[in-house]
Amino acid sequence: MSFLSSVSTVEFLINVLEHGGGRHKEDAIYALGKFKDREIFDFLSRYLSSRNFKEQINAAVALYNVKDYRDRAYHLIFSFLYSHNKEKIECGLFAIGELGLKKRKEVCFHYLNSRNNDLRIHSAISLIKMGYQDGIPVIVNLLFDGSEDVKF
């Protein structure tokens, strides 16, 4: 996609959002967030209310640094982090790492010791993205313990 013009890329990604599904939509939301355009941000804001948690969190990551959407994005991310739903917590951990929210690293450190391997891996990855090496041993241990249920 790097060989396409910005206009073609945006059109392609919007087409994916309108006609795609699943992981492709989530990725398109994330990618559109990289374009610094007010109309795109307004378009992405509808995904803050999506029924799909990953679409919501990708929209929050995309819109977090946009003044008009920062409060909504912030609220969504932190409501996910303090949820009782494992998938929402994973999404919140992803957002912390993507946005480099070092002030929230304690949440990652908390889940680094979780009994749930998925939460541990997500917290480890987020810590590594923020420059903390504490997540490396967790990832290595999970990779080599033979568990087939670990997902990245």
Protein backbone atom coordinates (compact mmCIF):
# COMPACT_ATOMS: atom_id res chain seq x y z
CA MET A 1 0.00 0.00 0.00
CA SER A 2 2.99 2.29 0.42
CA PHE A 3 3.21 2.61 -3.38
CA LEU A 4 -0.33 3.93 -3.64
CA SER A 5 -1.21 7.57 -3.31
CA SER A 6 -2.71 8.76 -0.05
CA VAL A 7 -6.06 9.31 -1.74
CA SER A 8 -6.11 5.77 -3.16
CA THR A 9 -5.09 4.33 0.19
CA VAL A 10 -7.81 6.19 2.07
CA GLU A 11 -10.42 5.16 -0.50
CA PHE A 12 -9.30 1.54 -0.24
CA LEU A 13 -9.43 1.56 3.57
CA ILE A 14 -12.87 3.20 3.65
CA ASN A 15 -14.07 0.56 1.19
CA VAL A 16 -12.76 -2.12 3.54
CA LEU A 17 -14.70 -0.53 6.40
CA GLU A 18 -17.90 -0.33 4.42
CA HIS A 19 -17.74 -3.78 2.84
CA GLY A 20 -15.22 -5.80 4.84
CA GLY A 21 -15.53 -7.60 8.06
CA GLY A 22 -13.69 -8.97 11.04
CA ARG A 23 -9.99 -8.33 11.38
CA HIS A 24 -9.84 -6.35 8.11
CA LYS A 25 -12.19 -3.70 9.49
CA GLU A 26 -10.22 -3.45 12.72
CA ASP A 27 -6.97 -3.02 10.79
CA ALA A 28 -8.53 -0.44 8.46
CA ILE A 29 -9.65 1.65 11.44
CA TYR A 30 -6.15 1.52 12.88
CA ALA A 31 -4.56 2.43 9.53
CA LEU A 32 -6.94 5.33 8.87
CA GLY A 33 -5.95 6.78 12.21
CA LYS A 34 -2.47 7.37 10.79
CA PHE A 35 -3.85 9.93 8.35
CA LYS A 36 -4.09 13.37 9.89
CA ASP A 37 -7.36 14.50 8.38
CA ARG A 38 -10.38 15.95 10.16
CA GLU A 39 -12.90 14.19 7.90
CA ILE A 40 -11.26 10.83 8.57
CA PHE A 41 -11.34 11.46 12.31
CA ASP A 42 -15.03 12.37 12.14
CA PHE A 43 -15.65 9.21 10.10
CA LEU A 44 -13.74 7.03 12.59
CA SER A 45 -15.57 8.47 15.60
CA ARG A 46 -18.62 6.29 14.85
CA TYR A 47 -16.52 3.22 15.67
CA LEU A 48 -16.10 4.36 19.27
CA SER A 49 -19.65 3.02 19.69
CA SER A 50 -19.19 -0.19 17.71
CA ARG A 51 -20.36 -3.49 19.15
CA ASN A 52 -16.95 -4.94 18.29
CA PHE A 53 -14.45 -4.28 21.09
CA LYS A 54 -11.45 -4.31 18.75
CA GLU A 55 -13.07 -1.81 16.41
CA GLN A 56 -13.79 0.40 19.42
CA ILE A 57 -10.25 0.24 20.79
CA ASN A 58 -8.66 0.85 17.37
CA ALA A 59 -10.88 3.91 16.97
CA ALA A 60 -9.88 5.08 20.45
CA VAL A 61 -6.18 4.64 19.59
CA ALA A 62 -6.69 6.48 16.30
CA LEU A 63 -8.54 9.36 17.95
CA TYR A 64 -6.70 9.64 21.27
CA ASN A 65 -4.45 12.49 20.12
CA VAL A 66 -7.27 14.44 18.46
CA LYS A 67 -8.41 17.19 20.82
CA ASP A 68 -12.14 16.87 20.07
CA TYR A 69 -12.15 13.10 20.64
CA ARG A 70 -9.53 12.66 23.34
CA ASP A 71 -11.96 12.55 26.28
CA ARG A 72 -14.16 9.91 24.63
CA ALA A 73 -11.14 7.85 23.62
CA TYR A 74 -9.60 8.16 27.09
CA HIS A 75 -12.84 7.12 28.78
CA LEU A 76 -13.24 4.12 26.48
CA ILE A 77 -9.68 2.90 26.98
CA PHE A 78 -9.87 3.12 30.75
CA SER A 79 -13.34 1.62 30.96
CA PHE A 80 -11.90 -1.36 29.07
CA LEU A 81 -8.93 -1.64 31.42
CA TYR A 82 -11.13 -1.77 34.49
CA SER A 83 -13.73 -4.09 32.99
CA HIS A 84 -14.41 -7.64 34.12
CA ASN A 85 -14.41 -8.78 30.50
CA LYS A 86 -11.07 -10.36 29.51
CA GLU A 87 -11.32 -9.30 25.86
CA LYS A 88 -11.93 -5.68 26.87
CA ILE A 89 -8.96 -5.75 29.23
CA GLU A 90 -6.76 -7.15 26.44
CA CYS A 91 -7.91 -4.30 24.20
CA GLY A 92 -7.16 -1.75 26.90
CA LEU A 93 -3.67 -3.18 27.39
CA PHE A 94 -3.13 -2.97 23.63
CA ALA A 95 -4.10 0.72 23.70
CA ILE A 96 -1.70 1.51 26.54
CA GLY A 97 1.18 0.04 24.55
CA GLU A 98 0.19 1.62 21.25
CA LEU A 99 -0.16 5.06 22.77
CA GLY A 100 2.84 4.71 25.07
CA LEU A 101 0.80 5.68 28.12
CA LYS A 102 3.59 5.22 30.66
CA LYS A 103 1.46 6.76 33.39
CA ARG A 104 -0.69 3.62 33.18
CA LYS A 105 2.18 1.13 33.23
CA GLU A 106 1.07 -0.09 36.67
CA VAL A 107 -1.96 -1.70 35.02
CA CYS A 108 0.38 -3.61 32.70
CA PHE A 109 2.56 -4.66 35.63
CA HIS A 110 -0.55 -5.85 37.45
CA TYR A 111 -1.60 -8.12 34.58
CA LEU A 112 1.97 -9.29 33.99
CA ASN A 113 1.40 -11.59 36.97
CA SER A 114 -2.09 -12.72 35.95
CA ARG A 115 -3.01 -16.39 35.89
CA ASN A 116 -4.49 -15.78 32.46
CA ASN A 117 -1.83 -16.23 29.77
CA ASP A 118 -3.58 -13.95 27.28
CA LEU A 119 -3.61 -11.06 29.75
CA ARG A 120 0.02 -11.73 30.63
CA ILE A 121 1.13 -11.66 26.98
CA HIS A 122 -0.82 -8.49 26.21
CA SER A 123 0.60 -6.71 29.25
CA ALA A 124 4.13 -7.90 28.40
CA ILE A 125 3.85 -6.63 24.82
CA SER A 126 2.52 -3.27 26.01
CA LEU A 127 5.38 -2.89 28.47
CA ILE A 128 7.93 -3.71 25.79
CA LYS A 129 6.35 -1.16 23.42
CA MET A 130 6.83 1.45 26.15
CA GLY A 131 10.48 0.49 26.61
CA TYR A 132 10.17 -1.66 29.75
CA GLN A 133 12.09 -4.92 29.46
CA ASP A 134 10.09 -6.63 32.24
CA GLY A 135 7.82 -8.20 29.62
CA ILE A 136 10.56 -10.09 27.80
CA PRO A 137 10.93 -12.97 30.30
CA VAL A 138 7.16 -13.43 30.36
CA ILE A 139 7.00 -13.73 26.57
CA VAL A 140 9.97 -16.11 26.46
CA ASN A 141 8.46 -18.30 29.19
CA LEU A 142 5.08 -18.40 27.47
CA LEU A 143 6.67 -19.28 24.13
CA PHE A 144 8.71 -22.12 25.54
CA ASP A 145 6.33 -23.60 28.10
CA GLY A 146 4.58 -25.63 25.40
CA SER A 147 1.17 -24.07 25.90
CA GLU A 148 -0.81 -24.03 22.69
CA ASP A 149 -3.46 -21.63 23.94
CA VAL A 150 -1.29 -18.50 23.91
CA LYS A 151 -2.34 -16.04 21.24
CA PHE A 152 -0.58 -12.87 20.13
